[in-house]
């Protein structure tokens, strides 16, 4: 069944299972466990909700992995949340939805969405979404154009986009491509983050259309 951890966020207690690792190798392993970026973004969401209530927002998580930020959005009252990733990660995402179904009444969906795949974008209902969550997706510069193509397909200029990232080799180049594709960003101040769950190496940005 895989390892799991209990994560408490402002009184919300979530159970997050790692994906079963045995069938996967190489980059397929990247979405199989909870990364620090996801935890820090998830802890930021209650603060974000103070000025952006979730009660009327549709939420999409791209590259959801284990789905922690999207599940927190559901627990905070978003009426519909869609968790997306590559097809082989969907069974694990569904398991985490089921494990936490008791803490939200939202319509939480799981769907395949590989960046740049127009056929899969068409199958994700509800675009443009009010809020898109992206956690630790800027690690491979060659994938950023496809990510931006998908992002444009599921948002419009009214959408809110939150991106968490970890500073590592290649991050600057990823942000360069993001700007070339028509997006800007504003860093969320450390004073707005959870006082415990923050790091000098991990930032949260509000991404917008230029």
N, C-alpha and C. Protein backbone atom coordinates (compact mmCIF):
# COMPACT_ATOMS: atom_id res chain seq x y z
N UNK A 1 0.82 -1.22 0.00
CA UNK A 1 0.00 0.00 0.00
C UNK A 1 0.85 1.27 0.00
N UNK A 2 2.16 1.14 0.30
CA UNK A 2 3.03 2.32 0.27
C UNK A 2 3.07 3.02 1.62
N UNK A 3 4.15 3.79 1.84
CA UNK A 3 4.29 4.55 3.07
C UNK A 3 3.33 5.73 3.06
N UNK A 4 2.97 6.18 4.25
CA UNK A 4 2.12 7.36 4.32
C UNK A 4 2.57 8.22 5.49
N UNK A 5 2.17 9.48 5.45
CA UNK A 5 2.47 10.40 6.55
C UNK A 5 1.23 11.20 6.85
N UNK A 6 1.10 11.61 8.09
CA UNK A 6 0.01 12.48 8.51
C UNK A 6 0.55 13.91 8.56
N UNK A 7 -0.15 14.81 7.91
CA UNK A 7 0.28 16.20 7.81
C UNK A 7 -0.82 17.08 8.38
N UNK A 8 -0.47 17.90 9.37
CA UNK A 8 -1.45 18.79 9.99
C UNK A 8 -1.23 20.21 9.48
N UNK A 9 -2.28 20.82 8.96
CA UNK A 9 -2.21 22.18 8.43
C UNK A 9 -3.36 22.98 8.99
N UNK A 10 -3.07 23.84 9.94
CA UNK A 10 -4.09 24.71 10.54
C UNK A 10 -5.33 23.93 10.98
N UNK A 11 -5.11 22.86 11.70
CA UNK A 11 -6.22 22.07 12.21
C UNK A 11 -6.76 21.04 11.24
N UNK A 12 -6.27 21.04 10.01
CA UNK A 12 -6.66 20.02 9.04
C UNK A 12 -5.66 18.88 9.10
N UNK A 13 -6.13 17.68 9.29
CA UNK A 13 -5.25 16.52 9.37
C UNK A 13 -5.41 15.67 8.12
N UNK A 14 -4.37 15.63 7.31
CA UNK A 14 -4.41 14.90 6.05
C UNK A 14 -3.51 13.68 6.12
N UNK A 15 -3.93 12.64 5.43
CA UNK A 15 -3.13 11.43 5.27
C UNK A 15 -2.67 11.38 3.82
N UNK A 16 -1.37 11.36 3.60
CA UNK A 16 -0.83 11.36 2.24
C UNK A 16 0.02 10.12 2.05
N UNK A 17 -0.39 9.28 1.12
CA UNK A 17 0.36 8.08 0.77
C UNK A 17 1.37 8.39 -0.32
N UNK A 18 2.57 7.85 -0.17
CA UNK A 18 3.49 7.81 -1.30
C UNK A 18 2.93 6.85 -2.34
N UNK A 19 3.28 7.09 -3.59
CA UNK A 19 2.91 6.13 -4.62
C UNK A 19 3.80 4.89 -4.49
N UNK A 20 3.26 3.76 -4.87
CA UNK A 20 4.06 2.54 -4.88
C UNK A 20 5.18 2.72 -5.90
N UNK A 21 6.42 2.51 -5.49
CA UNK A 21 7.58 2.85 -6.30
C UNK A 21 8.04 1.73 -7.23
N UNK A 22 7.69 0.50 -6.93
CA UNK A 22 8.29 -0.64 -7.61
C UNK A 22 8.23 -0.57 -9.13
N UNK A 23 7.14 -0.14 -9.76
CA UNK A 23 7.12 -0.16 -11.24
C UNK A 23 7.92 0.97 -11.88
N UNK A 24 8.39 1.96 -11.10
CA UNK A 24 8.90 3.19 -11.68
C UNK A 24 10.41 3.31 -11.58
N UNK A 25 10.99 4.00 -12.56
CA UNK A 25 12.41 4.30 -12.55
C UNK A 25 12.61 5.72 -13.07
N UNK A 26 13.82 6.27 -12.85
CA UNK A 26 14.17 7.56 -13.43
C UNK A 26 13.20 8.66 -13.07
N UNK A 27 12.83 9.48 -14.07
CA UNK A 27 11.97 10.63 -13.82
C UNK A 27 10.57 10.22 -13.40
N UNK A 28 10.16 8.97 -13.64
CA UNK A 28 8.85 8.52 -13.20
C UNK A 28 8.72 8.57 -11.69
N UNK A 29 9.85 8.60 -10.97
CA UNK A 29 9.81 8.61 -9.51
C UNK A 29 9.52 9.99 -8.94
N UNK A 30 9.60 11.04 -9.76
CA UNK A 30 9.56 12.40 -9.24
C UNK A 30 8.25 12.73 -8.55
N UNK A 31 7.16 12.17 -9.00
CA UNK A 31 5.87 12.51 -8.41
C UNK A 31 5.38 11.52 -7.39
N UNK A 32 6.27 10.65 -6.91
CA UNK A 32 5.83 9.52 -6.09
C UNK A 32 5.80 9.80 -4.60
N UNK A 33 6.34 10.92 -4.17
CA UNK A 33 6.35 11.22 -2.74
C UNK A 33 6.11 12.71 -2.52
N UNK A 34 5.93 13.09 -1.27
CA UNK A 34 5.65 14.49 -0.94
C UNK A 34 6.97 15.25 -0.87
N UNK A 35 7.10 16.30 -1.67
CA UNK A 35 8.30 17.13 -1.67
C UNK A 35 8.06 18.36 -0.81
N UNK A 36 9.16 18.97 -0.35
CA UNK A 36 9.05 20.12 0.53
C UNK A 36 8.28 21.28 -0.10
N UNK A 37 8.42 21.47 -1.40
CA UNK A 37 7.68 22.55 -2.08
C UNK A 37 6.18 22.40 -1.88
N UNK A 38 5.70 21.17 -1.97
CA UNK A 38 4.27 20.92 -1.81
C UNK A 38 3.83 21.22 -0.39
N UNK A 39 4.67 20.86 0.58
CA UNK A 39 4.31 21.10 1.98
C UNK A 39 4.26 22.59 2.27
N UNK A 40 5.24 23.34 1.79
CA UNK A 40 5.26 24.78 2.03
C UNK A 40 4.10 25.48 1.33
N UNK A 41 3.80 25.08 0.10
CA UNK A 41 2.64 25.65 -0.59
C UNK A 41 1.35 25.31 0.14
N UNK A 42 1.21 24.07 0.59
CA UNK A 42 0.00 23.66 1.31
C UNK A 42 -0.18 24.47 2.59
N UNK A 43 0.91 24.74 3.30
CA UNK A 43 0.83 25.52 4.53
C UNK A 43 0.53 26.99 4.25
N UNK A 44 0.86 27.47 3.06
CA UNK A 44 0.55 28.85 2.69
C UNK A 44 -0.93 29.05 2.37
N UNK A 45 -1.60 28.03 1.89
CA UNK A 45 -2.96 28.19 1.38
C UNK A 45 -3.95 28.74 2.40
N UNK A 46 -3.91 28.36 3.68
CA UNK A 46 -4.83 29.01 4.62
C UNK A 46 -4.62 30.52 4.72
N UNK A 47 -3.37 30.99 4.62
CA UNK A 47 -3.13 32.44 4.61
C UNK A 47 -3.67 33.07 3.34
N UNK A 48 -3.45 32.41 2.21
CA UNK A 48 -3.96 32.89 0.92
C UNK A 48 -5.48 33.00 0.97
N UNK A 49 -6.13 32.05 1.63
CA UNK A 49 -7.59 32.01 1.66
C UNK A 49 -8.20 33.17 2.42
N UNK A 50 -7.42 33.83 3.25
CA UNK A 50 -7.96 34.98 3.99
C UNK A 50 -8.39 36.09 3.05
N UNK A 51 -7.66 36.31 1.97
CA UNK A 51 -8.01 37.35 1.01
C UNK A 51 -8.60 36.78 -0.28
N UNK A 52 -8.48 35.45 -0.46
CA UNK A 52 -9.02 34.79 -1.65
C UNK A 52 -9.81 33.55 -1.20
N UNK A 53 -11.01 33.74 -0.68
CA UNK A 53 -11.77 32.59 -0.16
C UNK A 53 -11.96 31.52 -1.23
N UNK A 54 -11.87 30.27 -0.80
CA UNK A 54 -11.98 29.16 -1.74
C UNK A 54 -13.43 28.80 -2.07
N UNK A 55 -14.39 29.36 -1.36
CA UNK A 55 -15.76 28.87 -1.43
C UNK A 55 -16.36 28.90 -2.83
N UNK A 56 -15.88 29.79 -3.70
CA UNK A 56 -16.46 29.88 -5.04
C UNK A 56 -15.43 29.58 -6.13
N UNK A 57 -14.29 29.00 -5.75
CA UNK A 57 -13.20 28.80 -6.71
C UNK A 57 -13.12 27.37 -7.22
N UNK A 58 -12.93 27.24 -8.53
CA UNK A 58 -12.54 25.94 -9.08
C UNK A 58 -11.02 25.90 -9.10
N UNK A 59 -10.46 24.77 -8.71
CA UNK A 59 -9.02 24.66 -8.50
C UNK A 59 -8.47 23.51 -9.33
N UNK A 60 -7.34 23.76 -9.97
CA UNK A 60 -6.62 22.74 -10.72
C UNK A 60 -5.21 22.64 -10.17
N UNK A 61 -4.73 21.43 -9.92
CA UNK A 61 -3.32 21.24 -9.59
C UNK A 61 -2.63 20.53 -10.74
N UNK A 62 -1.61 21.18 -11.29
CA UNK A 62 -0.81 20.59 -12.36
C UNK A 62 0.36 19.83 -11.76
N UNK A 63 0.70 18.69 -12.34
CA UNK A 63 1.81 17.90 -11.81
C UNK A 63 1.62 17.60 -10.35
N UNK A 64 0.43 17.11 -9.99
CA UNK A 64 0.02 17.04 -8.59
C UNK A 64 0.84 16.06 -7.75
N UNK A 65 1.43 15.05 -8.37
CA UNK A 65 2.19 14.07 -7.58
C UNK A 65 1.30 13.34 -6.61
N UNK A 66 1.46 13.62 -5.32
CA UNK A 66 0.60 13.00 -4.31
C UNK A 66 -0.63 13.85 -3.99
N UNK A 67 -0.68 15.08 -4.50
CA UNK A 67 -1.90 15.87 -4.43
C UNK A 67 -2.10 16.71 -3.19
N UNK A 68 -1.08 16.90 -2.36
CA UNK A 68 -1.28 17.59 -1.09
C UNK A 68 -1.86 19.00 -1.23
N UNK A 69 -1.29 19.92 -2.02
CA UNK A 69 -1.88 21.26 -2.09
C UNK A 69 -3.33 21.26 -2.58
N UNK A 70 -3.63 20.46 -3.59
CA UNK A 70 -4.99 20.41 -4.09
C UNK A 70 -5.97 19.88 -3.06
N UNK A 71 -5.55 18.90 -2.28
CA UNK A 71 -6.41 18.36 -1.23
C UNK A 71 -6.64 19.38 -0.13
N UNK A 72 -5.63 20.18 0.18
CA UNK A 72 -5.82 21.24 1.16
C UNK A 72 -6.82 22.27 0.64
N UNK A 73 -6.74 22.61 -0.65
CA UNK A 73 -7.71 23.53 -1.24
C UNK A 73 -9.12 22.99 -1.11
N UNK A 74 -9.29 21.69 -1.32
CA UNK A 74 -10.60 21.06 -1.15
C UNK A 74 -11.06 21.16 0.30
N UNK A 75 -10.15 20.90 1.24
CA UNK A 75 -10.51 20.96 2.66
C UNK A 75 -10.85 22.38 3.09
N UNK A 76 -10.31 23.38 2.39
CA UNK A 76 -10.59 24.78 2.71
C UNK A 76 -11.86 25.28 2.05
N UNK A 77 -12.55 24.42 1.32
CA UNK A 77 -13.87 24.78 0.83
C UNK A 77 -14.02 24.99 -0.65
N UNK A 78 -12.97 24.76 -1.44
CA UNK A 78 -13.14 24.88 -2.90
C UNK A 78 -14.19 23.87 -3.37
N UNK A 79 -15.19 24.31 -4.12
CA UNK A 79 -16.28 23.40 -4.49
C UNK A 79 -15.88 22.33 -5.48
N UNK A 80 -14.86 22.61 -6.30
CA UNK A 80 -14.39 21.59 -7.24
C UNK A 80 -12.90 21.70 -7.41
N UNK A 81 -12.24 20.57 -7.24
CA UNK A 81 -10.78 20.50 -7.35
C UNK A 81 -10.44 19.38 -8.31
N UNK A 82 -9.53 19.64 -9.24
CA UNK A 82 -9.07 18.64 -10.19
C UNK A 82 -7.56 18.45 -10.01
N UNK A 83 -7.17 17.22 -9.70
CA UNK A 83 -5.77 16.87 -9.52
C UNK A 83 -5.29 16.17 -10.79
N UNK A 84 -4.22 16.65 -11.38
CA UNK A 84 -3.76 16.08 -12.65
C UNK A 84 -2.29 15.70 -12.59
N UNK A 85 -1.96 14.67 -13.34
CA UNK A 85 -0.57 14.25 -13.50
C UNK A 85 -0.55 13.21 -14.60
N UNK A 86 0.61 12.58 -14.78
CA UNK A 86 0.73 11.53 -15.79
C UNK A 86 -0.07 10.31 -15.38
N UNK A 87 -0.46 9.54 -16.37
CA UNK A 87 -1.42 8.46 -16.16
C UNK A 87 -0.99 7.48 -15.09
N UNK A 88 0.31 7.15 -15.02
CA UNK A 88 0.72 6.11 -14.07
C UNK A 88 0.64 6.57 -12.62
N UNK A 89 0.46 7.88 -12.37
CA UNK A 89 0.34 8.37 -11.01
C UNK A 89 -1.11 8.52 -10.55
N UNK A 90 -2.05 8.30 -11.44
CA UNK A 90 -3.45 8.54 -11.08
C UNK A 90 -3.99 7.59 -10.02
N UNK A 91 -3.64 6.29 -10.03
CA UNK A 91 -4.15 5.42 -8.95
C UNK A 91 -3.75 5.91 -7.57
N UNK A 92 -2.50 6.39 -7.43
CA UNK A 92 -2.06 6.91 -6.14
C UNK A 92 -2.78 8.19 -5.76
N UNK A 93 -3.06 9.04 -6.73
CA UNK A 93 -3.82 10.25 -6.46
C UNK A 93 -5.23 9.91 -5.98
N UNK A 94 -5.84 8.94 -6.63
CA UNK A 94 -7.19 8.54 -6.21
C UNK A 94 -7.17 7.99 -4.78
N UNK A 95 -6.13 7.24 -4.43
CA UNK A 95 -6.03 6.71 -3.08
C UNK A 95 -5.96 7.84 -2.06
N UNK A 96 -5.21 8.91 -2.38
CA UNK A 96 -5.12 10.03 -1.44
C UNK A 96 -6.42 10.81 -1.36
N UNK A 97 -7.15 10.90 -2.46
CA UNK A 97 -8.48 11.52 -2.41
C UNK A 97 -9.38 10.72 -1.48
N UNK A 98 -9.39 9.41 -1.64
CA UNK A 98 -10.24 8.56 -0.81
C UNK A 98 -9.83 8.63 0.66
N UNK A 99 -8.52 8.70 0.93
CA UNK A 99 -8.04 8.71 2.31
C UNK A 99 -8.45 9.97 3.06
N UNK A 100 -8.73 11.04 2.31
CA UNK A 100 -9.05 12.32 2.95
C UNK A 100 -10.47 12.80 2.67
N UNK A 101 -11.29 11.95 2.08
CA UNK A 101 -12.63 12.36 1.68
C UNK A 101 -13.48 12.83 2.86
N UNK A 102 -13.15 12.36 4.05
CA UNK A 102 -13.94 12.71 5.23
C UNK A 102 -13.75 14.16 5.66
N UNK A 103 -12.73 14.87 5.16
CA UNK A 103 -12.50 16.25 5.62
C UNK A 103 -12.95 17.28 4.60
N UNK A 104 -13.51 16.86 3.49
CA UNK A 104 -14.04 17.84 2.56
C UNK A 104 -15.31 17.33 1.90
N UNK A 105 -16.11 18.28 1.45
CA UNK A 105 -17.35 17.94 0.73
C UNK A 105 -17.25 18.33 -0.73
N UNK A 106 -16.05 18.68 -1.15
CA UNK A 106 -15.83 19.14 -2.52
C UNK A 106 -15.96 17.99 -3.52
N UNK A 107 -16.16 18.38 -4.75
CA UNK A 107 -16.07 17.44 -5.88
C UNK A 107 -14.60 17.40 -6.28
N UNK A 108 -13.90 16.35 -5.87
CA UNK A 108 -12.47 16.22 -6.16
C UNK A 108 -12.29 15.19 -7.26
N UNK A 109 -11.71 15.62 -8.37
CA UNK A 109 -11.53 14.76 -9.53
C UNK A 109 -10.05 14.49 -9.77
N UNK A 110 -9.77 13.41 -10.43
CA UNK A 110 -8.41 13.04 -10.82
C UNK A 110 -8.41 12.81 -12.32
N UNK A 111 -7.45 13.42 -13.02
CA UNK A 111 -7.44 13.30 -14.48
C UNK A 111 -6.01 13.29 -15.00
N UNK A 112 -5.81 12.58 -16.09
CA UNK A 112 -4.50 12.57 -16.76
C UNK A 112 -4.31 13.89 -17.49
N UNK A 113 -3.16 14.51 -17.29
CA UNK A 113 -2.84 15.73 -18.02
C UNK A 113 -1.32 15.87 -18.10
N UNK A 114 -0.80 15.45 -19.22
CA UNK A 114 0.63 15.59 -19.49
C UNK A 114 0.82 16.90 -20.24
N UNK A 115 1.75 17.71 -19.80
CA UNK A 115 1.91 19.05 -20.34
C UNK A 115 2.13 19.02 -21.85
N UNK A 116 1.39 19.87 -22.55
CA UNK A 116 1.51 19.97 -23.99
C UNK A 116 0.57 19.06 -24.75
N UNK A 117 -0.13 18.17 -24.05
CA UNK A 117 -1.05 17.24 -24.71
C UNK A 117 -2.42 17.88 -24.84
N UNK A 118 -2.72 18.40 -26.04
CA UNK A 118 -3.98 19.10 -26.24
C UNK A 118 -5.18 18.18 -26.08
N UNK A 119 -5.04 16.91 -26.43
CA UNK A 119 -6.15 15.99 -26.29
C UNK A 119 -6.51 15.79 -24.82
N UNK A 120 -5.50 15.79 -23.94
CA UNK A 120 -5.79 15.62 -22.53
C UNK A 120 -6.33 16.90 -21.91
N UNK A 121 -5.88 18.05 -22.38
CA UNK A 121 -6.44 19.31 -21.90
C UNK A 121 -7.93 19.35 -22.19
N UNK A 122 -8.32 18.92 -23.36
CA UNK A 122 -9.73 18.95 -23.74
C UNK A 122 -10.59 18.07 -22.83
N UNK A 123 -9.97 17.06 -22.20
CA UNK A 123 -10.73 16.14 -21.35
C UNK A 123 -10.84 16.63 -19.91
N UNK A 124 -10.13 17.72 -19.57
CA UNK A 124 -10.20 18.27 -18.21
C UNK A 124 -11.31 19.31 -18.18
N UNK A 125 -12.39 19.01 -17.48
CA UNK A 125 -13.55 19.90 -17.45
C UNK A 125 -13.27 21.15 -16.63
N UNK A 126 -13.94 22.23 -16.98
CA UNK A 126 -13.99 23.39 -16.12
C UNK A 126 -13.04 24.52 -16.45
N UNK A 127 -12.18 24.35 -17.47
CA UNK A 127 -11.27 25.44 -17.77
C UNK A 127 -12.04 26.61 -18.39
N UNK A 128 -11.64 27.86 -18.18
CA UNK A 128 -10.49 28.24 -17.35
C UNK A 128 -10.79 28.11 -15.85
N UNK A 129 -9.81 27.64 -15.11
CA UNK A 129 -9.96 27.46 -13.67
C UNK A 129 -9.70 28.79 -12.95
N UNK A 130 -10.33 28.93 -11.79
CA UNK A 130 -10.12 30.14 -11.00
C UNK A 130 -8.72 30.18 -10.37
N UNK A 131 -8.23 29.01 -9.96
CA UNK A 131 -6.94 28.93 -9.30
C UNK A 131 -6.20 27.71 -9.80
N UNK A 132 -4.93 27.89 -10.16
CA UNK A 132 -4.07 26.78 -10.56
C UNK A 132 -2.90 26.71 -9.59
N UNK A 133 -2.64 25.50 -9.09
CA UNK A 133 -1.54 25.25 -8.16
C UNK A 133 -0.44 24.49 -8.89
N UNK A 134 0.80 24.93 -8.71
CA UNK A 134 1.94 24.27 -9.34
C UNK A 134 3.05 24.17 -8.31
N UNK A 135 3.44 22.96 -7.97
CA UNK A 135 4.43 22.74 -6.92
C UNK A 135 5.64 22.01 -7.46
N UNK A 136 6.81 22.67 -7.39
CA UNK A 136 8.09 22.07 -7.78
C UNK A 136 8.08 21.54 -9.20
N UNK A 137 7.59 22.36 -10.13
CA UNK A 137 7.52 21.94 -11.53
C UNK A 137 8.65 22.52 -12.38
N UNK A 138 9.44 23.44 -11.84
CA UNK A 138 10.50 24.08 -12.62
C UNK A 138 11.84 23.42 -12.33
N UNK A 139 12.01 22.22 -12.86
CA UNK A 139 13.28 21.51 -12.65
C UNK A 139 13.92 21.08 -13.96
N UNK A 140 13.19 21.14 -15.06
CA UNK A 140 13.70 20.69 -16.36
C UNK A 140 13.31 21.74 -17.40
N UNK A 141 14.29 22.52 -17.84
CA UNK A 141 13.99 23.64 -18.73
C UNK A 141 13.33 23.17 -20.02
N UNK A 142 13.64 21.97 -20.47
CA UNK A 142 13.07 21.47 -21.73
C UNK A 142 11.57 21.22 -21.64
N UNK A 143 11.02 21.16 -20.43
CA UNK A 143 9.59 20.89 -20.29
C UNK A 143 8.76 22.15 -20.06
N UNK A 144 9.43 23.30 -19.89
CA UNK A 144 8.71 24.50 -19.47
C UNK A 144 7.78 25.03 -20.57
N UNK A 145 8.19 24.94 -21.84
CA UNK A 145 7.30 25.41 -22.91
C UNK A 145 6.01 24.60 -22.94
N UNK A 146 6.11 23.30 -22.77
CA UNK A 146 4.90 22.47 -22.73
C UNK A 146 4.05 22.82 -21.52
N UNK A 147 4.70 23.06 -20.39
CA UNK A 147 3.96 23.47 -19.19
C UNK A 147 3.21 24.76 -19.45
N UNK A 148 3.86 25.74 -20.09
CA UNK A 148 3.21 27.02 -20.37
C UNK A 148 2.06 26.85 -21.36
N UNK A 149 2.24 25.96 -22.33
CA UNK A 149 1.17 25.72 -23.30
C UNK A 149 -0.07 25.19 -22.59
N UNK A 150 0.14 24.27 -21.67
CA UNK A 150 -0.98 23.73 -20.91
C UNK A 150 -1.57 24.79 -19.99
N UNK A 151 -0.71 25.57 -19.35
CA UNK A 151 -1.18 26.61 -18.45
C UNK A 151 -2.08 27.60 -19.17
N UNK A 152 -1.71 27.97 -20.38
CA UNK A 152 -2.54 28.90 -21.17
C UNK A 152 -3.88 28.28 -21.54
N UNK A 153 -3.90 26.96 -21.69
CA UNK A 153 -5.14 26.28 -22.09
C UNK A 153 -6.13 26.15 -20.94
N UNK A 154 -5.65 26.21 -19.70
CA UNK A 154 -6.55 25.97 -18.56
C UNK A 154 -6.80 27.23 -17.73
N UNK A 155 -6.26 28.38 -18.17
CA UNK A 155 -6.46 29.64 -17.45
C UNK A 155 -6.84 30.75 -18.41
N UNK A 156 -7.23 31.87 -17.84
CA UNK A 156 -7.31 33.12 -18.59
C UNK A 156 -6.77 34.22 -17.68
N UNK A 157 -6.90 35.47 -18.08
CA UNK A 157 -6.28 36.56 -17.32
C UNK A 157 -6.94 36.79 -15.96
N UNK A 158 -8.09 36.20 -15.74
CA UNK A 158 -8.73 36.32 -14.43
C UNK A 158 -8.26 35.25 -13.46
N UNK A 159 -7.59 34.24 -13.96
CA UNK A 159 -7.16 33.13 -13.11
C UNK A 159 -6.03 33.54 -12.18
N UNK A 160 -6.03 32.94 -11.01
CA UNK A 160 -4.91 33.07 -10.08
C UNK A 160 -4.02 31.83 -10.26
N UNK A 161 -2.71 32.05 -10.25
CA UNK A 161 -1.75 30.96 -10.43
C UNK A 161 -0.72 31.05 -9.31
N UNK A 162 -0.59 29.97 -8.55
CA UNK A 162 0.41 29.92 -7.48
C UNK A 162 1.45 28.87 -7.82
N UNK A 163 2.71 29.28 -7.75
CA UNK A 163 3.83 28.40 -8.08
C UNK A 163 4.80 28.35 -6.91
N UNK A 164 5.12 27.15 -6.44
CA UNK A 164 6.20 27.00 -5.48
C UNK A 164 7.35 26.30 -6.19
N UNK A 165 8.56 26.70 -5.83
CA UNK A 165 9.72 26.11 -6.50
C UNK A 165 10.86 26.02 -5.51
N UNK A 166 11.81 25.14 -5.78
CA UNK A 166 13.03 25.05 -4.99
C UNK A 166 14.20 25.50 -5.83
N UNK A 167 15.00 26.40 -5.27
CA UNK A 167 16.16 26.91 -6.00
C UNK A 167 17.17 25.79 -6.20
N UNK A 168 17.45 25.52 -7.47
CA UNK A 168 18.42 24.48 -7.82
C UNK A 168 18.99 24.81 -9.19
N UNK A 169 19.95 24.06 -9.64
CA UNK A 169 20.56 24.31 -10.95
C UNK A 169 19.49 24.27 -12.04
N UNK A 170 19.46 25.30 -12.88
CA UNK A 170 18.51 25.35 -13.98
C UNK A 170 17.27 26.16 -13.69
N UNK A 171 17.04 26.54 -12.43
CA UNK A 171 15.82 27.28 -12.11
C UNK A 171 15.75 28.61 -12.84
N UNK A 172 16.88 29.33 -12.91
CA UNK A 172 16.90 30.63 -13.59
C UNK A 172 16.50 30.48 -15.05
N UNK A 173 16.99 29.46 -15.71
CA UNK A 173 16.64 29.22 -17.10
C UNK A 173 15.16 28.91 -17.25
N UNK A 174 14.59 28.17 -16.31
CA UNK A 174 13.16 27.86 -16.35
C UNK A 174 12.33 29.13 -16.26
N UNK A 175 12.73 30.05 -15.38
CA UNK A 175 12.00 31.31 -15.26
C UNK A 175 12.18 32.16 -16.52
N UNK A 176 13.33 32.07 -17.16
CA UNK A 176 13.53 32.81 -18.41
C UNK A 176 12.53 32.35 -19.47
N UNK A 177 12.35 31.03 -19.59
CA UNK A 177 11.40 30.50 -20.56
C UNK A 177 9.97 30.91 -20.18
N UNK A 178 9.68 30.90 -18.90
CA UNK A 178 8.36 31.31 -18.43
C UNK A 178 8.04 32.73 -18.90
N UNK A 179 9.03 33.62 -18.80
CA UNK A 179 8.81 34.99 -19.26
C UNK A 179 8.71 35.06 -20.79
N UNK A 180 9.53 34.30 -21.49
CA UNK A 180 9.45 34.27 -22.95
C UNK A 180 8.08 33.80 -23.43
N UNK A 181 7.43 32.96 -22.63
CA UNK A 181 6.12 32.43 -23.00
C UNK A 181 4.98 33.34 -22.55
N UNK A 182 5.32 34.51 -21.99
CA UNK A 182 4.29 35.50 -21.70
C UNK A 182 3.80 35.57 -20.27
N UNK A 183 4.60 35.05 -19.33
CA UNK A 183 4.20 35.08 -17.93
C UNK A 183 5.19 35.89 -17.09
N UNK A 184 4.66 36.63 -16.13
CA UNK A 184 5.45 37.29 -15.12
C UNK A 184 5.14 36.69 -13.77
N UNK A 185 5.79 37.21 -12.73
CA UNK A 185 5.59 36.66 -11.40
C UNK A 185 5.92 37.68 -10.33
N UNK A 186 5.32 37.46 -9.18
CA UNK A 186 5.58 38.28 -8.00
C UNK A 186 5.79 37.34 -6.83
N UNK A 187 6.91 37.50 -6.14
CA UNK A 187 7.22 36.61 -5.03
C UNK A 187 6.38 36.96 -3.81
N UNK A 188 5.86 35.93 -3.18
CA UNK A 188 5.11 36.10 -1.94
C UNK A 188 6.11 36.36 -0.81
N UNK A 189 5.89 37.41 -0.05
CA UNK A 189 6.80 37.76 1.02
C UNK A 189 6.83 36.71 2.12
N UNK A 190 7.98 36.57 2.75
CA UNK A 190 8.14 35.57 3.81
C UNK A 190 7.17 35.81 4.95
N UNK A 191 6.78 37.07 5.17
CA UNK A 191 5.85 37.38 6.25
C UNK A 191 4.45 36.84 5.97
N UNK A 192 4.16 36.52 4.70
CA UNK A 192 2.86 35.96 4.34
C UNK A 192 2.83 34.44 4.44
N UNK A 193 4.00 33.82 4.54
CA UNK A 193 4.08 32.36 4.59
C UNK A 193 3.85 31.87 6.02
N UNK A 194 3.64 30.58 6.15
CA UNK A 194 3.57 29.98 7.47
C UNK A 194 4.89 30.25 8.18
N UNK A 195 4.86 30.71 9.45
CA UNK A 195 6.10 31.07 10.13
C UNK A 195 7.07 29.92 10.33
N UNK A 196 6.57 28.70 10.33
CA UNK A 196 7.44 27.53 10.51
C UNK A 196 7.79 26.92 9.17
N UNK A 197 6.80 26.77 8.30
CA UNK A 197 7.01 26.06 7.04
C UNK A 197 7.41 27.04 5.95
N UNK A 198 8.67 27.45 6.00
CA UNK A 198 9.27 28.26 4.95
C UNK A 198 10.75 27.97 4.93
N UNK A 199 11.39 28.31 3.80
CA UNK A 199 12.81 28.01 3.62
C UNK A 199 13.41 29.04 2.68
N UNK A 200 14.68 29.38 2.91
CA UNK A 200 15.36 30.32 2.02
C UNK A 200 15.51 29.75 0.61
N UNK A 201 15.48 28.44 0.46
CA UNK A 201 15.66 27.80 -0.85
C UNK A 201 14.35 27.55 -1.58
N UNK A 202 13.24 27.81 -0.93
CA UNK A 202 11.94 27.53 -1.54
C UNK A 202 11.10 28.81 -1.53
N UNK A 203 10.59 29.17 -2.69
CA UNK A 203 9.79 30.37 -2.81
C UNK A 203 8.41 30.07 -3.36
N UNK A 204 7.47 30.95 -3.09
CA UNK A 204 6.13 30.88 -3.67
C UNK A 204 5.91 32.16 -4.48
N UNK A 205 5.42 31.98 -5.70
CA UNK A 205 5.18 33.10 -6.59
C UNK A 205 3.72 33.13 -7.03
N UNK A 206 3.20 34.34 -7.19
CA UNK A 206 1.94 34.54 -7.88
C UNK A 206 2.29 34.84 -9.33
N UNK A 207 1.87 33.96 -10.22
CA UNK A 207 2.21 34.05 -11.64
C UNK A 207 1.05 34.72 -12.37
N UNK A 208 1.37 35.55 -13.35
CA UNK A 208 0.33 36.27 -14.07
C UNK A 208 0.73 36.42 -15.54
N UNK A 209 -0.27 36.74 -16.36
CA UNK A 209 -0.02 37.02 -17.78
C UNK A 209 0.58 38.42 -17.93
N UNK A 210 1.58 38.53 -18.78
CA UNK A 210 2.18 39.83 -19.09
C UNK A 210 1.28 40.61 -20.05
